């Protein structure tokens, strides 16, 4: 019988954080500062925290977005990647498709390039946190919050490309605003490996550093 050598390389987590504006999605990257983190800021907004990121890009086109992502993936110094946000990247792509194509070609091109992004992200040997907006869809007759995306091909299916899907939420803690992430939320597409954060943990502070730490521990 032949002997086969199996790779010992660990898997890499791809985390999607969903929520509406004002729920702290950008803020969660505040503690990810360091030479080994790269942020792709498609929103092109000033970051809601102080500090300078060594790798911080603000692409204005889809090709620019993909180029930066490829550069971050190839850069050996960058170990962790953040994208803020997937929704804006898709908006940029859709607007470009509307400008450059007509009819069926708009969505065929959009879908093809979205697949390219998902394949690039999924094959990247780096942990990634991606933010996005949600919307309410009718899934099998029931209302459910899902990742927002143009067209029908990926409607309700975006989450399949991620290992973990958390929802951003906020509340008060001792009278002060508390931004948090939820691993379980009714009528949403939330999902997480049971042992990644602890079996009884359903919410925690929206800390990107904490997220990356737990993902690395789980997949190492």
N, C-alpha and C. Protein backbone atom coordinates (compact mmCIF):
# COMPACT_ATOMS: atom_id res chain seq x y z
N UNK A 1 0.85 -1.19 0.00
CA UNK A 1 0.00 0.00 0.00
C UNK A 1 0.89 1.24 0.00
N UNK A 2 0.53 2.21 -0.80
CA UNK A 2 1.31 3.44 -0.88
C UNK A 2 1.15 4.27 0.38
N UNK A 3 2.21 4.96 0.75
CA UNK A 3 2.15 5.89 1.88
C UNK A 3 1.91 7.30 1.35
N UNK A 4 1.03 8.02 1.97
CA UNK A 4 0.70 9.37 1.56
C UNK A 4 1.13 10.34 2.65
N UNK A 5 1.74 11.44 2.22
CA UNK A 5 2.18 12.48 3.15
C UNK A 5 1.13 13.57 3.20
N UNK A 6 0.52 13.74 4.33
CA UNK A 6 -0.53 14.74 4.47
C UNK A 6 0.05 16.03 5.03
N UNK A 7 -0.43 17.15 4.55
CA UNK A 7 0.06 18.46 5.00
C UNK A 7 -0.36 18.71 6.44
N UNK A 8 0.56 19.27 7.21
CA UNK A 8 0.27 19.64 8.59
C UNK A 8 -0.13 21.11 8.72
N UNK A 9 -0.28 21.79 7.59
CA UNK A 9 -0.62 23.21 7.60
C UNK A 9 -2.01 23.40 8.20
N UNK A 10 -2.13 24.36 9.08
CA UNK A 10 -3.42 24.59 9.74
C UNK A 10 -4.42 25.25 8.81
N UNK A 11 -5.69 25.15 9.17
CA UNK A 11 -6.73 25.87 8.44
C UNK A 11 -6.72 27.33 8.89
N UNK A 12 -7.41 28.16 8.11
CA UNK A 12 -7.46 29.59 8.43
C UNK A 12 -8.93 30.02 8.49
N UNK A 13 -9.24 30.79 9.52
CA UNK A 13 -10.62 31.21 9.75
C UNK A 13 -11.00 32.42 8.92
N UNK A 14 -12.19 32.40 8.40
CA UNK A 14 -12.77 33.53 7.68
C UNK A 14 -14.05 33.93 8.41
N UNK A 15 -14.02 35.10 9.05
CA UNK A 15 -15.11 35.54 9.92
C UNK A 15 -15.86 36.71 9.28
N UNK A 16 -17.17 36.61 9.23
CA UNK A 16 -18.02 37.67 8.71
C UNK A 16 -18.78 38.31 9.87
N UNK A 17 -18.65 39.64 9.97
CA UNK A 17 -19.36 40.39 11.01
C UNK A 17 -20.45 41.22 10.32
N UNK A 18 -21.70 40.97 10.66
CA UNK A 18 -22.82 41.65 10.02
C UNK A 18 -23.53 42.59 10.99
N UNK A 19 -24.08 43.66 10.45
CA UNK A 19 -24.84 44.61 11.26
C UNK A 19 -25.04 45.90 10.50
N UNK A 20 -25.91 46.73 11.02
CA UNK A 20 -26.19 48.02 10.41
C UNK A 20 -25.16 49.06 10.85
N UNK A 21 -25.17 50.21 10.19
CA UNK A 21 -24.25 51.29 10.54
C UNK A 21 -24.48 51.73 11.98
N UNK A 22 -23.40 52.04 12.68
CA UNK A 22 -23.51 52.51 14.06
C UNK A 22 -23.44 51.42 15.10
N UNK A 23 -23.17 50.17 14.67
CA UNK A 23 -23.13 49.07 15.62
C UNK A 23 -21.71 48.59 15.92
N UNK A 24 -20.71 49.40 15.55
CA UNK A 24 -19.35 49.14 15.99
C UNK A 24 -18.54 48.20 15.12
N UNK A 25 -18.94 47.99 13.86
CA UNK A 25 -18.20 47.05 13.02
C UNK A 25 -16.79 47.55 12.72
N UNK A 26 -16.66 48.83 12.38
CA UNK A 26 -15.32 49.38 12.13
C UNK A 26 -14.53 49.49 13.42
N UNK A 27 -15.21 49.79 14.51
CA UNK A 27 -14.56 49.99 15.80
C UNK A 27 -13.87 48.73 16.31
N UNK A 28 -14.31 47.56 15.85
CA UNK A 28 -13.72 46.33 16.37
C UNK A 28 -12.27 46.16 15.95
N UNK A 29 -11.81 46.92 14.94
CA UNK A 29 -10.42 46.81 14.49
C UNK A 29 -9.47 47.69 15.31
N UNK A 30 -9.99 48.37 16.33
CA UNK A 30 -9.20 49.33 17.10
C UNK A 30 -7.99 48.71 17.77
N UNK A 31 -8.07 47.44 18.15
CA UNK A 31 -6.96 46.81 18.86
C UNK A 31 -6.18 45.84 17.98
N UNK A 32 -6.29 46.03 16.66
CA UNK A 32 -5.55 45.18 15.73
C UNK A 32 -4.30 45.86 15.20
N UNK A 33 -3.93 46.98 15.81
CA UNK A 33 -2.75 47.70 15.36
C UNK A 33 -1.51 46.82 15.50
N UNK A 34 -0.57 47.00 14.59
CA UNK A 34 0.65 46.20 14.59
C UNK A 34 1.11 45.93 13.17
N UNK A 35 2.35 45.54 13.03
CA UNK A 35 2.92 45.33 11.71
C UNK A 35 2.37 44.10 11.00
N UNK A 36 1.68 43.21 11.75
CA UNK A 36 1.22 41.97 11.12
C UNK A 36 -0.26 42.03 10.72
N UNK A 37 -0.86 43.22 10.74
CA UNK A 37 -2.28 43.37 10.40
C UNK A 37 -2.44 44.34 9.23
N UNK A 38 -3.28 43.95 8.29
CA UNK A 38 -3.57 44.82 7.16
C UNK A 38 -5.06 45.06 7.02
N UNK A 39 -5.48 46.33 6.93
CA UNK A 39 -6.89 46.69 6.81
C UNK A 39 -7.17 47.26 5.42
N UNK A 40 -8.20 46.72 4.78
CA UNK A 40 -8.67 47.25 3.50
C UNK A 40 -9.95 48.01 3.78
N UNK A 41 -9.90 49.32 3.70
CA UNK A 41 -10.99 50.20 4.09
C UNK A 41 -11.73 50.69 2.84
N UNK A 42 -12.63 49.84 2.32
CA UNK A 42 -13.39 50.23 1.14
C UNK A 42 -14.41 51.32 1.45
N UNK A 43 -14.78 51.46 2.73
CA UNK A 43 -15.70 52.52 3.13
C UNK A 43 -15.04 53.89 2.98
N UNK A 44 -13.71 53.92 3.07
CA UNK A 44 -12.91 55.14 2.94
C UNK A 44 -13.32 56.21 3.95
N UNK A 45 -13.79 55.78 5.11
CA UNK A 45 -14.15 56.70 6.18
C UNK A 45 -12.99 56.79 7.17
N UNK A 46 -12.87 57.92 7.87
CA UNK A 46 -11.90 57.98 8.96
C UNK A 46 -12.21 56.89 9.98
N UNK A 47 -11.19 56.23 10.46
CA UNK A 47 -11.40 55.15 11.41
C UNK A 47 -11.86 55.70 12.76
N UNK A 48 -12.78 55.01 13.44
CA UNK A 48 -13.32 55.50 14.71
C UNK A 48 -12.43 55.17 15.91
N UNK A 49 -11.13 55.23 15.71
CA UNK A 49 -10.20 55.00 16.81
C UNK A 49 -8.86 55.64 16.43
N UNK A 50 -8.06 55.91 17.46
CA UNK A 50 -6.76 56.53 17.24
C UNK A 50 -5.70 55.46 16.98
N UNK A 51 -4.61 55.89 16.37
CA UNK A 51 -3.53 54.97 16.07
C UNK A 51 -3.30 54.89 14.58
N UNK A 52 -2.09 54.56 14.22
CA UNK A 52 -1.72 54.47 12.81
C UNK A 52 -1.48 53.01 12.44
N UNK A 53 -2.14 52.58 11.37
CA UNK A 53 -1.95 51.24 10.86
C UNK A 53 -0.87 51.25 9.79
N UNK A 54 0.09 50.35 9.89
CA UNK A 54 1.15 50.30 8.89
C UNK A 54 0.60 49.92 7.52
N UNK A 55 -0.36 49.00 7.51
CA UNK A 55 -0.99 48.57 6.27
C UNK A 55 -2.47 48.96 6.31
N UNK A 56 -2.79 50.04 5.63
CA UNK A 56 -4.15 50.56 5.61
C UNK A 56 -4.44 51.13 4.21
N UNK A 57 -5.27 50.45 3.45
CA UNK A 57 -5.56 50.86 2.07
C UNK A 57 -7.02 51.28 1.92
N UNK A 58 -7.26 52.23 1.02
CA UNK A 58 -8.60 52.73 0.75
C UNK A 58 -8.89 52.67 -0.75
N UNK A 59 -9.07 51.49 -1.30
CA UNK A 59 -9.29 51.37 -2.74
C UNK A 59 -10.62 52.00 -3.17
N UNK A 60 -10.62 52.59 -4.37
CA UNK A 60 -11.82 53.25 -4.89
C UNK A 60 -12.46 52.47 -6.04
N UNK A 61 -11.77 51.44 -6.53
CA UNK A 61 -12.30 50.62 -7.63
C UNK A 61 -12.26 49.15 -7.24
N UNK A 62 -13.01 48.33 -7.96
CA UNK A 62 -13.01 46.89 -7.69
C UNK A 62 -11.65 46.28 -7.96
N UNK A 63 -11.05 46.63 -9.10
CA UNK A 63 -9.72 46.10 -9.41
C UNK A 63 -8.70 46.53 -8.36
N UNK A 64 -8.84 47.77 -7.88
CA UNK A 64 -7.95 48.24 -6.82
C UNK A 64 -8.12 47.44 -5.55
N UNK A 65 -9.36 47.11 -5.22
CA UNK A 65 -9.67 46.31 -4.04
C UNK A 65 -9.04 44.92 -4.14
N UNK A 66 -9.24 44.26 -5.28
CA UNK A 66 -8.70 42.92 -5.47
C UNK A 66 -7.17 42.95 -5.47
N UNK A 67 -6.59 43.98 -6.09
CA UNK A 67 -5.13 44.10 -6.13
C UNK A 67 -4.55 44.22 -4.73
N UNK A 68 -5.16 45.07 -3.89
CA UNK A 68 -4.67 45.23 -2.52
C UNK A 68 -4.82 43.93 -1.75
N UNK A 69 -5.95 43.25 -1.91
CA UNK A 69 -6.16 41.99 -1.22
C UNK A 69 -5.10 40.97 -1.62
N UNK A 70 -4.81 40.88 -2.91
CA UNK A 70 -3.77 39.96 -3.37
C UNK A 70 -2.40 40.34 -2.79
N UNK A 71 -2.11 41.63 -2.71
CA UNK A 71 -0.84 42.07 -2.15
C UNK A 71 -0.74 41.72 -0.67
N UNK A 72 -1.83 41.91 0.07
CA UNK A 72 -1.84 41.59 1.49
C UNK A 72 -1.64 40.08 1.71
N UNK A 73 -2.28 39.29 0.85
CA UNK A 73 -2.18 37.83 0.98
C UNK A 73 -0.74 37.38 0.72
N UNK A 74 -0.07 38.00 -0.24
CA UNK A 74 1.30 37.61 -0.59
C UNK A 74 2.34 38.18 0.38
N UNK A 75 2.00 39.24 1.08
CA UNK A 75 2.96 39.90 1.97
C UNK A 75 3.23 39.02 3.20
N UNK A 76 4.47 38.53 3.37
CA UNK A 76 4.76 37.62 4.50
C UNK A 76 4.67 38.31 5.86
N UNK A 77 4.77 39.63 5.90
CA UNK A 77 4.69 40.33 7.18
C UNK A 77 3.26 40.39 7.70
N UNK A 78 2.30 40.44 6.79
CA UNK A 78 0.89 40.51 7.19
C UNK A 78 0.38 39.11 7.49
N UNK A 79 -0.08 38.90 8.72
CA UNK A 79 -0.60 37.61 9.16
C UNK A 79 -2.12 37.61 9.26
N UNK A 80 -2.71 38.80 9.42
CA UNK A 80 -4.15 38.92 9.61
C UNK A 80 -4.68 40.04 8.72
N UNK A 81 -5.87 39.84 8.14
CA UNK A 81 -6.43 40.81 7.21
C UNK A 81 -7.84 41.19 7.64
N UNK A 82 -8.15 42.47 7.59
CA UNK A 82 -9.50 42.96 7.84
C UNK A 82 -10.04 43.66 6.60
N UNK A 83 -11.31 43.47 6.31
CA UNK A 83 -11.97 44.16 5.20
C UNK A 83 -13.20 44.88 5.74
N UNK A 84 -13.23 46.19 5.56
CA UNK A 84 -14.33 47.01 6.07
C UNK A 84 -14.79 47.97 4.95
N UNK A 85 -15.75 47.59 4.14
CA UNK A 85 -16.60 46.44 4.32
C UNK A 85 -16.80 45.70 3.00
N UNK A 86 -17.26 44.46 3.12
CA UNK A 86 -17.62 43.67 1.96
C UNK A 86 -18.76 44.33 1.20
N UNK A 87 -19.71 44.88 1.92
CA UNK A 87 -20.88 45.50 1.29
C UNK A 87 -20.48 46.65 0.37
N UNK A 88 -19.57 47.50 0.82
CA UNK A 88 -19.13 48.62 -0.01
C UNK A 88 -18.35 48.11 -1.22
N UNK A 89 -17.54 47.08 -1.04
CA UNK A 89 -16.81 46.51 -2.18
C UNK A 89 -17.79 46.01 -3.23
N UNK A 90 -18.86 45.35 -2.81
CA UNK A 90 -19.86 44.86 -3.75
C UNK A 90 -20.61 46.01 -4.41
N UNK A 91 -20.86 47.08 -3.65
CA UNK A 91 -21.50 48.27 -4.23
C UNK A 91 -20.63 48.87 -5.33
N UNK A 92 -19.33 48.96 -5.06
CA UNK A 92 -18.39 49.50 -6.06
C UNK A 92 -18.43 48.65 -7.32
N UNK A 93 -18.37 47.33 -7.15
CA UNK A 93 -18.40 46.42 -8.29
C UNK A 93 -19.70 46.54 -9.07
N UNK A 94 -20.82 46.57 -8.38
CA UNK A 94 -22.12 46.64 -9.05
C UNK A 94 -22.26 47.94 -9.84
N UNK A 95 -21.82 49.05 -9.26
CA UNK A 95 -21.89 50.33 -9.97
C UNK A 95 -21.01 50.32 -11.22
N UNK A 96 -19.84 49.69 -11.13
CA UNK A 96 -18.97 49.59 -12.29
C UNK A 96 -19.60 48.72 -13.37
N UNK A 97 -20.25 47.63 -12.96
CA UNK A 97 -20.91 46.75 -13.93
C UNK A 97 -22.06 47.47 -14.63
N UNK A 98 -22.81 48.28 -13.89
CA UNK A 98 -23.89 49.05 -14.50
C UNK A 98 -23.37 50.08 -15.49
N UNK A 99 -22.21 50.64 -15.20
CA UNK A 99 -21.61 51.65 -16.07
C UNK A 99 -21.05 51.03 -17.36
N UNK A 100 -20.47 49.84 -17.24
CA UNK A 100 -19.73 49.26 -18.36
C UNK A 100 -20.48 48.19 -19.15
N UNK A 101 -21.60 47.72 -18.63
CA UNK A 101 -22.32 46.64 -19.30
C UNK A 101 -23.82 46.94 -19.37
N UNK A 102 -24.52 46.11 -20.12
CA UNK A 102 -25.97 46.26 -20.25
C UNK A 102 -26.66 44.91 -20.08
N UNK A 103 -27.90 44.98 -19.63
CA UNK A 103 -28.74 43.79 -19.54
C UNK A 103 -28.12 42.66 -18.75
N UNK A 104 -28.16 41.47 -19.35
CA UNK A 104 -27.68 40.25 -18.68
C UNK A 104 -26.22 40.34 -18.29
N UNK A 105 -25.42 41.06 -19.07
CA UNK A 105 -23.99 41.14 -18.81
C UNK A 105 -23.67 41.83 -17.48
N UNK A 106 -24.59 42.67 -17.01
CA UNK A 106 -24.36 43.34 -15.72
C UNK A 106 -24.21 42.31 -14.61
N UNK A 107 -25.20 41.43 -14.50
CA UNK A 107 -25.18 40.46 -13.40
C UNK A 107 -24.23 39.30 -13.67
N UNK A 108 -24.05 38.91 -14.92
CA UNK A 108 -23.12 37.81 -15.21
C UNK A 108 -21.70 38.22 -14.84
N UNK A 109 -21.33 39.47 -15.15
CA UNK A 109 -20.00 39.96 -14.79
C UNK A 109 -19.88 40.13 -13.29
N UNK A 110 -20.91 40.71 -12.68
CA UNK A 110 -20.91 40.89 -11.22
C UNK A 110 -20.73 39.55 -10.52
N UNK A 111 -21.52 38.56 -10.89
CA UNK A 111 -21.44 37.25 -10.24
C UNK A 111 -20.08 36.59 -10.44
N UNK A 112 -19.53 36.70 -11.63
CA UNK A 112 -18.24 36.08 -11.92
C UNK A 112 -17.13 36.68 -11.04
N UNK A 113 -17.15 38.00 -10.88
CA UNK A 113 -16.11 38.66 -10.09
C UNK A 113 -16.31 38.46 -8.59
N UNK A 114 -17.55 38.32 -8.17
CA UNK A 114 -17.81 38.00 -6.76
C UNK A 114 -17.26 36.61 -6.44
N UNK A 115 -17.46 35.66 -7.35
CA UNK A 115 -16.90 34.32 -7.16
C UNK A 115 -15.39 34.39 -7.05
N UNK A 116 -14.76 35.21 -7.88
CA UNK A 116 -13.31 35.37 -7.83
C UNK A 116 -12.87 35.88 -6.46
N UNK A 117 -13.61 36.83 -5.91
CA UNK A 117 -13.29 37.36 -4.58
C UNK A 117 -13.42 36.27 -3.52
N UNK A 118 -14.54 35.54 -3.55
CA UNK A 118 -14.75 34.50 -2.54
C UNK A 118 -13.67 33.41 -2.63
N UNK A 119 -13.30 33.03 -3.85
CA UNK A 119 -12.26 32.01 -4.02
C UNK A 119 -10.91 32.52 -3.50
N UNK A 120 -10.61 33.78 -3.80
CA UNK A 120 -9.36 34.38 -3.34
C UNK A 120 -9.30 34.42 -1.82
N UNK A 121 -10.40 34.84 -1.21
CA UNK A 121 -10.47 34.92 0.24
C UNK A 121 -10.40 33.54 0.88
N UNK A 122 -11.14 32.60 0.32
CA UNK A 122 -11.22 31.27 0.91
C UNK A 122 -9.88 30.54 0.85
N UNK A 123 -9.11 30.78 -0.23
CA UNK A 123 -7.83 30.10 -0.40
C UNK A 123 -6.68 30.80 0.32
N UNK A 124 -6.92 31.99 0.82
CA UNK A 124 -5.85 32.75 1.49
C UNK A 124 -5.42 32.05 2.77
N UNK A 125 -4.12 31.84 2.93
CA UNK A 125 -3.59 31.19 4.12
C UNK A 125 -3.34 32.23 5.21
N UNK A 126 -4.39 32.97 5.50
CA UNK A 126 -4.35 33.98 6.55
C UNK A 126 -5.74 34.11 7.15
N UNK A 127 -5.80 34.39 8.45
CA UNK A 127 -7.09 34.62 9.10
C UNK A 127 -7.62 35.98 8.66
N UNK A 128 -8.94 36.05 8.46
CA UNK A 128 -9.54 37.28 7.97
C UNK A 128 -10.84 37.58 8.70
N UNK A 129 -11.05 38.88 8.98
CA UNK A 129 -12.32 39.36 9.50
C UNK A 129 -12.89 40.34 8.48
N UNK A 130 -14.11 40.07 8.04
CA UNK A 130 -14.77 40.88 7.02
C UNK A 130 -16.07 41.42 7.59
N UNK A 131 -16.32 42.70 7.42
CA UNK A 131 -17.58 43.28 7.89
C UNK A 131 -18.55 43.44 6.72
N UNK A 132 -19.83 43.57 7.04
CA UNK A 132 -20.83 43.76 6.01
C UNK A 132 -22.16 44.16 6.62
N UNK A 133 -23.06 44.64 5.76
CA UNK A 133 -24.40 44.99 6.19
C UNK A 133 -25.34 43.79 6.01
N UNK A 134 -26.40 43.79 6.78
CA UNK A 134 -27.38 42.72 6.64
C UNK A 134 -28.69 43.26 6.06
N UNK A 135 -29.54 42.36 5.65
CA UNK A 135 -30.87 42.69 5.18
C UNK A 135 -31.81 41.55 5.53
N UNK A 136 -33.09 41.82 5.54
CA UNK A 136 -34.08 40.80 5.88
C UNK A 136 -34.56 40.13 4.60
N UNK A 137 -34.44 38.80 4.55
CA UNK A 137 -34.88 38.01 3.41
C UNK A 137 -35.93 37.00 3.87
N UNK A 138 -36.68 36.48 2.92
CA UNK A 138 -37.62 35.41 3.21
C UNK A 138 -36.94 34.10 2.83
N UNK A 139 -36.57 33.31 3.82
CA UNK A 139 -35.89 32.04 3.62
C UNK A 139 -36.84 30.91 4.02
N UNK A 140 -37.25 30.11 3.04
CA UNK A 140 -38.17 29.00 3.29
C UNK A 140 -39.42 29.46 4.05
N UNK A 141 -39.91 30.63 3.67
CA UNK A 141 -41.15 31.15 4.24
C UNK A 141 -40.99 31.92 5.53
N UNK A 142 -39.76 32.06 6.02
CA UNK A 142 -39.53 32.77 7.28
C UNK A 142 -38.58 33.95 7.06
N UNK A 143 -38.83 35.04 7.79
CA UNK A 143 -37.95 36.19 7.71
C UNK A 143 -36.64 35.89 8.44
N UNK A 144 -35.54 36.24 7.80
CA UNK A 144 -34.24 36.01 8.42
C UNK A 144 -33.25 37.07 7.95
N UNK A 145 -32.39 37.51 8.87
CA UNK A 145 -31.33 38.45 8.51
C UNK A 145 -30.19 37.71 7.84
N UNK A 146 -29.77 38.24 6.70
CA UNK A 146 -28.67 37.65 5.94
C UNK A 146 -27.76 38.75 5.41
N UNK A 147 -26.59 38.36 4.92
CA UNK A 147 -25.66 39.32 4.34
C UNK A 147 -26.28 39.95 3.09
N UNK A 148 -26.13 41.25 2.98
CA UNK A 148 -26.70 41.98 1.84
C UNK A 148 -25.79 41.86 0.63
N UNK A 149 -26.40 41.59 -0.53
CA UNK A 149 -25.65 41.53 -1.78
C UNK A 149 -26.63 41.74 -2.94
N UNK A 150 -26.15 42.34 -4.01
CA UNK A 150 -26.99 42.61 -5.16
C UNK A 150 -27.27 41.31 -5.93
N UNK A 151 -28.42 41.28 -6.60
CA UNK A 151 -28.76 40.14 -7.44
C UNK A 151 -29.31 38.97 -6.65
N UNK A 152 -29.61 37.89 -7.38
CA UNK A 152 -30.25 36.71 -6.78
C UNK A 152 -29.32 35.53 -6.61
N UNK A 153 -28.22 35.50 -7.37
CA UNK A 153 -27.36 34.32 -7.34
C UNK A 153 -26.81 34.02 -5.96
N UNK A 154 -26.40 35.07 -5.23
CA UNK A 154 -25.79 34.87 -3.92
C UNK A 154 -26.73 35.24 -2.77
N UNK A 155 -27.94 35.60 -3.08
CA UNK A 155 -28.89 36.00 -2.05
C UNK A 155 -29.11 34.85 -1.07
N UNK A 156 -28.80 35.09 0.20
CA UNK A 156 -28.96 34.06 1.23
C UNK A 156 -27.85 33.02 1.24
N UNK A 157 -26.82 33.21 0.40
CA UNK A 157 -25.77 32.20 0.28
C UNK A 157 -24.37 32.72 0.63
N UNK A 158 -24.26 34.01 0.90
CA UNK A 158 -22.94 34.59 1.18
C UNK A 158 -22.28 33.91 2.38
N UNK A 159 -23.07 33.61 3.40
CA UNK A 159 -22.51 33.07 4.63
C UNK A 159 -21.84 31.71 4.43
N UNK A 160 -22.18 31.02 3.36
CA UNK A 160 -21.59 29.70 3.12
C UNK A 160 -20.08 29.78 2.89
N UNK A 161 -19.58 30.96 2.54
CA UNK A 161 -18.16 31.13 2.26
C UNK A 161 -17.36 31.48 3.52
N UNK A 162 -18.02 31.54 4.66
CA UNK A 162 -17.36 31.90 5.91
C UNK A 162 -17.49 30.79 6.94
N UNK A 163 -16.46 30.64 7.75
CA UNK A 163 -16.50 29.63 8.80
C UNK A 163 -17.29 30.10 10.02
N UNK A 164 -17.33 31.42 10.20
CA UNK A 164 -18.00 32.01 11.37
C UNK A 164 -18.75 33.27 10.93
N UNK A 165 -19.98 33.42 11.39
CA UNK A 165 -20.79 34.60 11.09
C UNK A 165 -21.34 35.13 12.41
N UNK A 166 -20.93 36.35 12.76
CA UNK A 166 -21.38 36.97 14.00
C UNK A 166 -22.17 38.24 13.68
N UNK A 167 -23.05 38.62 14.60
CA UNK A 167 -23.85 39.82 14.40
C UNK A 167 -23.46 40.89 15.42
N UNK A 168 -23.27 42.10 14.91
CA UNK A 168 -22.91 43.23 15.77
C UNK A 168 -24.15 43.73 16.49
N UNK A 169 -23.98 44.08 17.74
CA UNK A 169 -25.09 44.60 18.55
C UNK A 169 -24.51 45.62 19.52
N UNK A 170 -25.37 46.35 20.20
CA UNK A 170 -24.90 47.32 21.18
C UNK A 170 -25.92 47.47 22.30
N UNK A 171 -25.43 47.93 23.42
CA UNK A 171 -26.29 48.12 24.58
C UNK A 171 -25.57 48.99 25.59
N UNK A 172 -26.06 48.98 26.83
CA UNK A 172 -25.44 49.76 27.90
C UNK A 172 -24.84 48.83 28.94
N UNK A 173 -23.66 49.17 29.40
CA UNK A 173 -22.99 48.43 30.46
C UNK A 173 -22.55 49.44 31.51
N UNK A 174 -23.20 49.40 32.67
CA UNK A 174 -22.96 50.39 33.74
C UNK A 174 -23.19 51.80 33.23
N UNK A 175 -24.19 51.96 32.38
CA UNK A 175 -24.56 53.27 31.86
C UNK A 175 -23.73 53.74 30.69
N UNK A 176 -22.76 52.93 30.23
CA UNK A 176 -21.91 53.32 29.12
C UNK A 176 -22.19 52.43 27.91
N UNK A 177 -22.00 52.98 26.70
CA UNK A 177 -22.23 52.16 25.50
C UNK A 177 -21.33 50.93 25.48
N UNK A 178 -21.89 49.82 25.10
CA UNK A 178 -21.14 48.57 25.00
C UNK A 178 -21.42 47.95 23.64
N UNK A 179 -20.39 47.89 22.81
CA UNK A 179 -20.52 47.26 21.50
C UNK A 179 -20.10 45.80 21.62
N UNK A 180 -20.91 44.92 21.08
CA UNK A 180 -20.68 43.49 21.28
C UNK A 180 -20.96 42.69 20.00
N UNK A 181 -20.48 41.47 20.01
CA UNK A 181 -20.71 40.53 18.92
C UNK A 181 -21.48 39.34 19.47
N UNK A 182 -22.44 38.86 18.70
CA UNK A 182 -23.27 37.75 19.13
C UNK A 182 -23.01 36.52 18.27
N UNK A 183 -22.77 35.39 18.94
CA UNK A 183 -22.55 34.13 18.24
C UNK A 183 -23.87 33.44 17.90
N UNK A 184 -24.89 33.78 18.63
CA UNK A 184 -26.23 33.21 18.40
C UNK A 184 -27.24 34.32 18.45
N UNK A 185 -28.03 34.44 17.39
CA UNK A 185 -29.08 35.44 17.33
C UNK A 185 -30.25 34.85 16.58
N UNK A 186 -31.45 34.82 17.18
CA UNK A 186 -32.61 34.23 16.52
C UNK A 186 -32.89 34.90 15.17
N UNK A 187 -33.33 34.11 14.22
CA UNK A 187 -33.74 34.60 12.90
C UNK A 187 -32.61 35.31 12.16
N UNK A 188 -31.40 34.82 12.34
CA UNK A 188 -30.25 35.34 11.61
C UNK A 188 -29.44 34.17 11.08
N UNK A 189 -28.42 34.49 10.29
CA UNK A 189 -27.52 33.47 9.74
C UNK A 189 -26.29 33.27 10.61
N UNK A 190 -26.36 33.66 11.88
CA UNK A 190 -25.21 33.53 12.79
C UNK A 190 -24.79 32.07 12.93
N UNK A 191 -23.47 31.88 12.99
CA UNK A 191 -22.94 30.53 13.18
C UNK A 191 -21.50 30.64 13.69
N UNK A 192 -21.08 29.65 14.47
CA UNK A 192 -19.71 29.61 14.97
C UNK A 192 -19.43 28.21 15.46
N UNK A 193 -18.20 27.71 15.28
CA UNK A 193 -17.85 26.41 15.87
C UNK A 193 -18.10 26.45 17.37
N UNK A 194 -18.77 25.44 17.93
CA UNK A 194 -19.18 25.47 19.34
C UNK A 194 -18.03 25.72 20.31
N UNK A 195 -16.84 25.21 20.00
CA UNK A 195 -15.73 25.32 20.94
C UNK A 195 -14.83 26.51 20.69
N UNK A 196 -15.14 27.34 19.71
CA UNK A 196 -14.26 28.46 19.40
C UNK A 196 -14.27 29.51 20.51
N UNK A 197 -15.44 29.85 21.01
CA UNK A 197 -15.56 30.88 22.04
C UNK A 197 -15.99 30.33 23.38
N UNK A 198 -16.31 29.05 23.43
CA UNK A 198 -16.84 28.44 24.64
C UNK A 198 -18.30 28.08 24.43
N UNK A 199 -18.70 26.91 24.91
CA UNK A 199 -20.03 26.40 24.62
C UNK A 199 -21.15 27.27 25.18
N UNK A 200 -20.90 27.99 26.26
CA UNK A 200 -21.94 28.79 26.90
C UNK A 200 -21.84 30.28 26.55
N UNK A 201 -20.90 30.64 25.68
CA UNK A 201 -20.70 32.04 25.32
C UNK A 201 -21.57 32.39 24.11
N UNK A 202 -22.44 33.37 24.27
CA UNK A 202 -23.30 33.80 23.18
C UNK A 202 -23.02 35.23 22.74
N UNK A 203 -22.26 35.98 23.54
CA UNK A 203 -21.90 37.34 23.17
C UNK A 203 -20.64 37.77 23.91
N UNK A 204 -19.90 38.70 23.31
CA UNK A 204 -18.68 39.22 23.93
C UNK A 204 -18.36 40.56 23.29
N UNK A 205 -17.41 41.27 23.88
CA UNK A 205 -17.03 42.59 23.38
C UNK A 205 -16.49 42.48 21.96
N UNK A 206 -16.82 43.49 21.13
CA UNK A 206 -16.41 43.41 19.71
C UNK A 206 -14.94 43.79 19.53
N UNK A 207 -14.10 42.93 19.96
CA UNK A 207 -12.65 43.13 19.89
C UNK A 207 -12.07 42.30 18.75
N UNK A 208 -11.45 42.97 17.78
CA UNK A 208 -10.83 42.26 16.69
C UNK A 208 -9.66 41.41 17.15
N UNK A 209 -8.87 41.94 18.09
CA UNK A 209 -7.73 41.18 18.61
C UNK A 209 -8.20 39.90 19.29
N UNK A 210 -9.28 39.98 20.04
CA UNK A 210 -9.85 38.80 20.69
C UNK A 210 -10.32 37.80 19.65
N UNK A 211 -10.99 38.30 18.60
CA UNK A 211 -11.49 37.44 17.54
C UNK A 211 -10.35 36.70 16.86
N UNK A 212 -9.31 37.42 16.45
CA UNK A 212 -8.18 36.79 15.78
C UNK A 212 -7.50 35.76 16.68
N UNK A 213 -7.39 36.07 17.97
CA UNK A 213 -6.77 35.16 18.93
C UNK A 213 -7.55 33.85 19.02
N UNK A 214 -8.88 33.96 19.12
CA UNK A 214 -9.71 32.76 19.24
C UNK A 214 -9.69 31.93 17.96
N UNK A 215 -9.69 32.60 16.81
CA UNK A 215 -9.64 31.90 15.53
C UNK A 215 -8.31 31.14 15.40
N UNK A 216 -7.22 31.82 15.74
CA UNK A 216 -5.91 31.17 15.63
C UNK A 216 -5.80 29.98 16.58
N UNK A 217 -6.28 30.15 17.80
CA UNK A 217 -6.24 29.05 18.77
C UNK A 217 -7.07 27.87 18.28
N UNK A 218 -8.21 28.14 17.69
CA UNK A 218 -9.12 27.07 17.27
C UNK A 218 -8.54 26.28 16.11
N UNK A 219 -7.92 26.97 15.15
CA UNK A 219 -7.45 26.29 13.95
C UNK A 219 -5.99 25.86 14.02
N UNK A 220 -5.30 26.19 15.11
CA UNK A 220 -3.89 25.75 15.25
C UNK A 220 -3.81 24.30 15.71
